[in-house]
Every structure is written in C-alpha cells, then in structure tokens.
C-alpha cells in the first residue's frame, strides 16, 4: 500500500468514526433529556439504576469515547490510540455476543423476571411518584404485552439491525488494524 492508500484509509477511518462520534453525542443528548425530564422513572424496583435515561447516557458515552479514539488515532496516525480503539471495539463486540447468547438461552426466565418485577412496581403506583410517572409514560406508548408482541413480530428486523451493527464493528476493527499495520510499515521504511 502506498502513501496515497494510507491517506485514503486514514480519512475513511476518521470520517467513519466522526459519524459515530456525532451519533454518540446525539444519543447522549437524548439520555440527558430523559434524565432531566424524568419522564421514564424506575420500573424495576430491584434494579433502581436501570432507567431509560441512565442506559441511554451510558450507551452514548461509550460510543463517543470509542469513536473519539478512532478519530484521533486515525488522523494523528497514533498506533496506541488505534489499538485502544480496536481492543475496545473487540471487547464491546464480545459483550454483545455474550448478552445475545444469554438472552436467547434465558429468554423464558428473563420474561418471567420482567413480568414479576413490573407487577411489583405497579403496586407502588399510588405511593411512589417516580413509579407513577414511569407507568404513565409506558402506558402512553403501550403496555408490556404490546412491546413484547412488537418485538416478536419484528424479531427479524431487530436481528438484521444487530447483525448490521456487528458488521460495522468488525469493519471498524479491520480498518483500524489495517491502518495500524500500514503506519508501522511506513515507519519502518522511513527508519523512524
């Protein structure tokens, strides 16, 4: 690969990650909005930290950090940042695969757990204002059974979306590794 190919790959990785960084900022903004508006409170009494706002803020922050490493590593041709980007993407991909397997294997138990916890939560509807707000918001968009039916009827599309995300992650990892190898080769050829 020549210098022009290295530059092209460098800018492809940069713009690819810039797009994801902007997406991460947007997701983080929605998460902050959900936290401030407190429209979706606590539904799972046993997992009080598991709110829509918290989950969206965490996902947005992770996307921003990983994409930032990819942007800076590619544009600065920094091998350490590129390898950090690669390792984080690999780690995230492994977590996604493990979670998917666990969801598939324990689908029935998870369904029972969610149904039981939501039943316990609805009993606090009149005594806890956060629970009341969360249930009102959920009922406005549809109940648990409706969400479950939607998921099952759109299972193919959800699966395609998840596979698409995994493919994008693998492409990002391969671009970062290729760019890292090319930077190494150019450094050796220049005697740096």
C-alpha atoms as a PDB file:
ATOM      1  CA  UNK A   1       0.000   0.000   0.000  1.00  0.00           C
ATOM      2  CA  UNK A   2       1.409   3.382  -0.953  1.00  0.00           C
ATOM      3  CA  UNK A   3       1.193   6.713   0.811  1.00  0.00           C
ATOM      4  CA  UNK A   4      -1.970   7.674  -1.099  1.00  0.00           C
ATOM      5  CA  UNK A   5      -3.705   4.465   0.007  1.00  0.00           C
ATOM      6  CA  UNK A   6      -2.624   5.117   3.585  1.00  0.00           C
ATOM      7  CA  UNK A   7      -4.084   8.634   3.442  1.00  0.00           C
ATOM      8  CA  UNK A   8      -7.324   7.355   1.925  1.00  0.00           C
ATOM      9  CA  UNK A   9      -7.657   4.684   4.628  1.00  0.00           C
ATOM     10  CA  UNK A  10      -6.776   7.224   7.302  1.00  0.00           C
ATOM     11  CA  UNK A  11      -9.566   9.564   6.189  1.00  0.00           C
ATOM     12  CA  UNK A  12     -12.088   6.741   5.762  1.00  0.00           C
ATOM     13  CA  UNK A  13     -11.457   5.639   9.371  1.00  0.00           C
ATOM     14  CA  UNK A  14     -11.588   9.266  10.543  1.00  0.00           C
ATOM     15  CA  UNK A  15     -14.912  10.113   8.867  1.00  0.00           C
ATOM     16  CA  UNK A  16     -16.386   6.738   9.827  1.00  0.00           C
ATOM     17  CA  UNK A  17     -15.631   7.465  13.486  1.00  0.00           C
ATOM     18  CA  UNK A  18     -16.617  11.128  13.237  1.00  0.00           C
ATOM     19  CA  UNK A  19     -20.077   9.999  12.138  1.00  0.00           C
ATOM     20  CA  UNK A  20     -20.281   7.654  15.126  1.00  0.00           C
ATOM     21  CA  UNK A  21     -18.996  10.354  17.481  1.00  0.00           C
ATOM     22  CA  UNK A  22     -21.799  12.684  16.342  1.00  0.00           C
ATOM     23  CA  UNK A  23     -24.269   9.800  16.788  1.00  0.00           C
ATOM     24  CA  UNK A  24     -22.911   9.226  20.292  1.00  0.00           C
ATOM     25  CA  UNK A  25     -23.354  12.934  21.096  1.00  0.00           C
ATOM     26  CA  UNK A  26     -26.951  12.756  19.893  1.00  0.00           C
ATOM     27  CA  UNK A  27     -27.673   9.638  21.940  1.00  0.00           C
ATOM     28  CA  UNK A  28     -26.056  11.241  24.989  1.00  0.00           C
ATOM     29  CA  UNK A  29     -28.235  14.318  24.479  1.00  0.00           C
ATOM     30  CA  UNK A  30     -31.380  12.177  24.445  1.00  0.00           C
ATOM     31  CA  UNK A  31     -30.196  10.419  27.597  1.00  0.00           C
ATOM     32  CA  UNK A  32     -29.644  13.716  29.378  1.00  0.00           C
ATOM     33  CA  UNK A  33     -33.086  14.858  28.250  1.00  0.00           C
ATOM     34  CA  UNK A  34     -34.618  11.664  29.672  1.00  0.00           C
ATOM     35  CA  UNK A  35     -32.775  12.211  32.971  1.00  0.00           C
ATOM     36  CA  UNK A  36     -33.791  15.872  33.239  1.00  0.00           C
ATOM     37  CA  UNK A  37     -37.408  15.382  32.208  1.00  0.00           C
ATOM     38  CA  UNK A  38     -37.626  12.273  34.411  1.00  0.00           C
ATOM     39  CA  UNK A  39     -40.423  11.105  32.128  1.00  0.00           C
ATOM     40  CA  UNK A  40     -39.326   7.482  32.445  1.00  0.00           C
ATOM     41  CA  UNK A  41     -38.703   6.731  36.102  1.00  0.00           C
ATOM     42  CA  UNK A  42     -37.928   3.469  37.822  1.00  0.00           C
ATOM     43  CA  UNK A  43     -39.990   0.489  36.713  1.00  0.00           C
ATOM     44  CA  UNK A  44     -37.813  -2.269  38.142  1.00  0.00           C
ATOM     45  CA  UNK A  45     -37.723  -1.970  41.905  1.00  0.00           C
ATOM     46  CA  UNK A  46     -34.856  -4.497  42.193  1.00  0.00           C
ATOM     47  CA  UNK A  47     -32.781  -2.521  39.657  1.00  0.00           C
ATOM     48  CA  UNK A  48     -33.406   1.152  40.532  1.00  0.00           C
ATOM     49  CA  UNK A  49     -30.447   2.360  38.439  1.00  0.00           C
ATOM     50  CA  UNK A  50     -31.901   0.744  35.302  1.00  0.00           C
ATOM     51  CA  UNK A  51     -33.778   3.705  33.890  1.00  0.00           C
ATOM     52  CA  UNK A  52     -34.083   4.677  30.244  1.00  0.00           C
ATOM     53  CA  UNK A  53     -32.088   7.853  30.895  1.00  0.00           C
ATOM     54  CA  UNK A  54     -29.192   6.050  32.584  1.00  0.00           C
ATOM     55  CA  UNK A  55     -28.947   3.372  29.907  1.00  0.00           C
ATOM     56  CA  UNK A  56     -29.051   5.907  27.058  1.00  0.00           C
ATOM     57  CA  UNK A  57     -26.427   8.141  28.734  1.00  0.00           C
ATOM     58  CA  UNK A  58     -24.092   5.164  29.226  1.00  0.00           C
ATOM     59  CA  UNK A  59     -24.510   3.931  25.643  1.00  0.00           C
ATOM     60  CA  UNK A  60     -23.999   7.427  24.214  1.00  0.00           C
ATOM     61  CA  UNK A  61     -20.896   7.991  26.346  1.00  0.00           C
ATOM     62  CA  UNK A  62     -19.338   4.679  25.322  1.00  0.00           C
ATOM     63  CA  UNK A  63     -19.980   5.390  21.632  1.00  0.00           C
ATOM     64  CA  UNK A  64     -18.440   8.859  21.986  1.00  0.00           C
ATOM     65  CA  UNK A  65     -15.288   7.615  23.729  1.00  0.00           C
ATOM     66  CA  UNK A  66     -14.682   4.739  21.321  1.00  0.00           C
ATOM     67  CA  UNK A  67     -15.347   6.905  18.255  1.00  0.00           C
ATOM     68  CA  UNK A  68     -13.068   9.639  19.638  1.00  0.00           C
ATOM     69  CA  UNK A  69     -10.241   7.121  19.977  1.00  0.00           C
ATOM     70  CA  UNK A  70     -10.823   6.026  16.376  1.00  0.00           C
ATOM     71  CA  UNK A  71     -10.891   9.627  15.099  1.00  0.00           C
ATOM     72  CA  UNK A  72      -7.793  10.748  16.922  1.00  0.00           C
ATOM     73  CA  UNK A  73      -5.901   7.527  16.294  1.00  0.00           C
ATOM     74  CA  UNK A  74      -6.508   7.707  12.560  1.00  0.00           C
ATOM     75  CA  UNK A  75      -5.952  11.416  11.966  1.00  0.00           C
ATOM     76  CA  UNK A  76      -2.819  11.551  14.158  1.00  0.00           C
ATOM     77  CA  UNK A  77      -1.659   8.128  12.920  1.00  0.00           C
ATOM     78  CA  UNK A  78      -1.208   7.111  16.542  1.00  0.00           C
ATOM     79  CA  UNK A  79      -0.772   3.347  16.874  1.00  0.00           C
ATOM     80  CA  UNK A  80      -1.579   3.330  20.595  1.00  0.00           C
ATOM     81  CA  UNK A  81      -4.942   5.056  20.083  1.00  0.00           C
ATOM     82  CA  UNK A  82      -5.752   2.816  17.121  1.00  0.00           C
ATOM     83  CA  UNK A  83      -5.013  -0.315  19.132  1.00  0.00           C
ATOM     84  CA  UNK A  84      -7.072   1.039  22.053  1.00  0.00           C
ATOM     85  CA  UNK A  85      -9.914   1.627  19.594  1.00  0.00           C
ATOM     86  CA  UNK A  86      -9.514  -1.920  18.250  1.00  0.00           C
ATOM     87  CA  UNK A  87      -9.438  -3.503  21.724  1.00  0.00           C
ATOM     88  CA  UNK A  88     -12.488  -1.547  22.911  1.00  0.00           C
ATOM     89  CA  UNK A  89     -14.470  -2.492  19.797  1.00  0.00           C
ATOM     90  CA  UNK A  90     -13.466  -6.130  20.257  1.00  0.00           C
ATOM     91  CA  UNK A  91     -14.479  -6.004  23.928  1.00  0.00           C
ATOM     92  CA  UNK A  92     -17.849  -4.418  23.073  1.00  0.00           C
ATOM     93  CA  UNK A  93     -18.442  -6.990  20.337  1.00  0.00           C
ATOM     94  CA  UNK A  94     -17.707  -9.848  22.752  1.00  0.00           C
ATOM     95  CA  UNK A  95     -20.092  -8.368  25.327  1.00  0.00           C
ATOM     96  CA  UNK A  96     -22.811  -8.051  22.674  1.00  0.00           C
ATOM     97  CA  UNK A  97     -22.358 -11.676  21.632  1.00  0.00           C
ATOM     98  CA  UNK A  98     -22.430 -12.880  25.261  1.00  0.00           C
ATOM     99  CA  UNK A  99     -25.562 -10.828  26.025  1.00  0.00           C
ATOM    100  CA  UNK A 100     -27.279 -12.116  22.868  1.00  0.00           C
ATOM    101  CA  UNK A 101     -26.493 -15.714  23.826  1.00  0.00           C
ATOM    102  CA  UNK A 102     -27.702 -15.175  27.405  1.00  0.00           C
ATOM    103  CA  UNK A 103     -30.907 -13.526  26.178  1.00  0.00           C
ATOM    104  CA  UNK A 104     -31.535 -16.425  23.837  1.00  0.00           C
ATOM    105  CA  UNK A 105     -30.790 -19.129  26.425  1.00  0.00           C
ATOM    106  CA  UNK A 106     -32.623 -17.480  29.336  1.00  0.00           C
ATOM    107  CA  UNK A 107     -35.458 -15.854  27.385  1.00  0.00           C
ATOM    108  CA  UNK A 108     -38.202 -17.514  29.436  1.00  0.00           C
ATOM    109  CA  UNK A 109     -36.600 -16.706  32.804  1.00  0.00           C
ATOM    110  CA  UNK A 110     -35.975 -13.087  31.771  1.00  0.00           C
ATOM    111  CA  UNK A 111     -39.580 -12.775  30.629  1.00  0.00           C
ATOM    112  CA  UNK A 112     -40.813 -14.095  33.993  1.00  0.00           C
ATOM    113  CA  UNK A 113     -38.427 -11.808  35.901  1.00  0.00           C
ATOM    114  CA  UNK A 114     -39.541  -8.716  33.974  1.00  0.00           C
ATOM    115  CA  UNK A 115     -43.230  -9.583  34.361  1.00  0.00           C
ATOM    116  CA  UNK A 116     -42.847 -10.188  38.131  1.00  0.00           C
ATOM    117  CA  UNK A 117     -40.830  -7.011  38.696  1.00  0.00           C
ATOM    118  CA  UNK A 118     -43.306  -4.941  36.690  1.00  0.00           C
ATOM    119  CA  UNK A 119     -46.167  -6.439  38.725  1.00  0.00           C
ATOM    120  CA  UNK A 120     -44.405  -5.427  41.949  1.00  0.00           C
ATOM    121  CA  UNK A 121     -43.784  -1.994  40.518  1.00  0.00           C
ATOM    122  CA  UNK A 122     -47.426  -1.373  39.586  1.00  0.00           C
ATOM    123  CA  UNK A 123     -48.370  -1.995  43.230  1.00  0.00           C
ATOM    124  CA  UNK A 124     -46.401   1.154  44.160  1.00  0.00           C
ATOM    125  CA  UNK A 125     -48.241   3.232  41.540  1.00  0.00           C
ATOM    126  CA  UNK A 126     -50.130   5.354  44.079  1.00  0.00           C
ATOM    127  CA  UNK A 127     -47.378   5.579  46.699  1.00  0.00           C
ATOM    128  CA  UNK A 128     -44.287   6.475  44.619  1.00  0.00           C
ATOM    129  CA  UNK A 129     -44.348   9.471  42.265  1.00  0.00           C
ATOM    130  CA  UNK A 130     -41.407   8.199  40.123  1.00  0.00           C
ATOM    131  CA  UNK A 131     -43.142   4.876  39.607  1.00  0.00           C
ATOM    132  CA  UNK A 132     -46.387   6.645  38.733  1.00  0.00           C
ATOM    133  CA  UNK A 133     -44.623   8.824  36.120  1.00  0.00           C
ATOM    134  CA  UNK A 134     -42.846   5.806  34.633  1.00  0.00           C
ATOM    135  CA  UNK A 135     -46.048   3.783  34.344  1.00  0.00           C
ATOM    136  CA  UNK A 136     -47.955   6.707  32.878  1.00  0.00           C
ATOM    137  CA  UNK A 137     -45.261   7.160  30.229  1.00  0.00           C
ATOM    138  CA  UNK A 138     -45.182   3.436  29.462  1.00  0.00           C
ATOM    139  CA  UNK A 139     -48.959   3.227  29.156  1.00  0.00           C
ATOM    140  CA  UNK A 140     -48.905   6.262  26.862  1.00  0.00           C
ATOM    141  CA  UNK A 141     -46.658   4.344  24.424  1.00  0.00           C
ATOM    142  CA  UNK A 142     -48.128   0.897  25.032  1.00  0.00           C
ATOM    143  CA  UNK A 143     -48.035  -1.789  27.763  1.00  0.00           C
ATOM    144  CA  UNK A 144     -45.552  -4.634  28.327  1.00  0.00           C
ATOM    145  CA  UNK A 145     -47.530  -7.152  26.283  1.00  0.00           C
ATOM    146  CA  UNK A 146     -47.735  -4.747  23.351  1.00  0.00           C
ATOM    147  CA  UNK A 147     -43.951  -4.185  23.496  1.00  0.00           C
ATOM    148  CA  UNK A 148     -43.360  -7.937  23.707  1.00  0.00           C
ATOM    149  CA  UNK A 149     -45.646  -8.580  20.728  1.00  0.00           C
ATOM    150  CA  UNK A 150     -43.938  -5.821  18.741  1.00  0.00           C
ATOM    151  CA  UNK A 151     -40.536  -7.347  19.484  1.00  0.00           C
ATOM    152  CA  UNK A 152     -41.639 -10.828  18.444  1.00  0.00           C
ATOM    153  CA  UNK A 153     -43.310  -9.591  15.263  1.00  0.00           C
ATOM    154  CA  UNK A 154     -40.218  -7.548  14.345  1.00  0.00           C
ATOM    155  CA  UNK A 155     -37.671 -10.126  15.508  1.00  0.00           C
ATOM    156  CA  UNK A 156     -36.211 -10.480  12.006  1.00  0.00           C
ATOM    157  CA  UNK A 157     -35.681  -6.723  11.655  1.00  0.00           C
ATOM    158  CA  UNK A 158     -34.162  -6.439  15.128  1.00  0.00           C
ATOM    159  CA  UNK A 159     -31.834  -9.331  14.271  1.00  0.00           C
ATOM    160  CA  UNK A 160     -30.812  -7.696  10.986  1.00  0.00           C
ATOM    161  CA  UNK A 161     -30.137  -4.434  12.824  1.00  0.00           C
ATOM    162  CA  UNK A 162     -27.984  -6.201  15.420  1.00  0.00           C
ATOM    163  CA  UNK A 163     -26.063  -8.102  12.738  1.00  0.00           C
ATOM    164  CA  UNK A 164     -25.559  -4.806  10.865  1.00  0.00           C
ATOM    165  CA  UNK A 165     -24.116  -3.180  13.986  1.00  0.00           C
ATOM    166  CA  UNK A 166     -21.771  -6.147  14.472  1.00  0.00           C
ATOM    167  CA  UNK A 167     -20.631  -5.960  10.831  1.00  0.00           C
ATOM    168  CA  UNK A 168     -19.903  -2.246  11.222  1.00  0.00           C
ATOM    169  CA  UNK A 169     -17.887  -3.000  14.363  1.00  0.00           C
ATOM    170  CA  UNK A 170     -15.886  -5.698  12.585  1.00  0.00           C
ATOM    171  CA  UNK A 171     -15.240  -3.319   9.669  1.00  0.00           C
ATOM    172  CA  UNK A 172     -14.085  -0.641  12.102  1.00  0.00           C
ATOM    173  CA  UNK A 173     -11.776  -3.124  13.792  1.00  0.00           C
ATOM    174  CA  UNK A 174     -10.332  -4.318  10.485  1.00  0.00           C
ATOM    175  CA  UNK A 175      -9.815  -0.747   9.221  1.00  0.00           C
ATOM    176  CA  UNK A 176      -8.059   0.195  12.472  1.00  0.00           C
ATOM    177  CA  UNK A 177      -5.826  -2.880  12.338  1.00  0.00           C
ATOM    178  CA  UNK A 178      -5.002  -2.315   8.657  1.00  0.00           C
ATOM    179  CA  UNK A 179      -4.211   1.347   9.297  1.00  0.00           C
ATOM    180  CA  UNK A 180      -2.067   0.412  12.288  1.00  0.00           C
ATOM    181  CA  UNK A 181      -0.102  -2.100  10.200  1.00  0.00           C
ATOM    182  CA  UNK A 182       0.392   0.442   7.406  1.00  0.00           C
ATOM    183  CA  UNK A 183       1.617   3.078   9.842  1.00  0.00           C
ATOM    184  CA  UNK A 184       4.073   0.504  11.223  1.00  0.00           C
ATOM    185  CA  UNK A 185       5.312  -0.379   7.715  1.00  0.00           C
ATOM    186  CA  UNK A 186       5.750   3.270   6.753  1.00  0.00           C
ATOM    187  CA  UNK A 187       7.602   3.973   9.988  1.00  0.00           C
ATOM    188  CA  UNK A 188       9.975   1.098   9.314  1.00  0.00           C
ATOM    189  CA  UNK A 189      10.539   2.108   5.688  1.00  0.00           C
ATOM    190  CA  UNK A 190      11.325   5.663   6.739  1.00  0.00           C
ATOM    191  CA  UNK A 191      13.613   4.410   9.508  1.00  0.00           C
ATOM    192  CA  UNK A 192      11.605   6.019  12.301  1.00  0.00           C
END
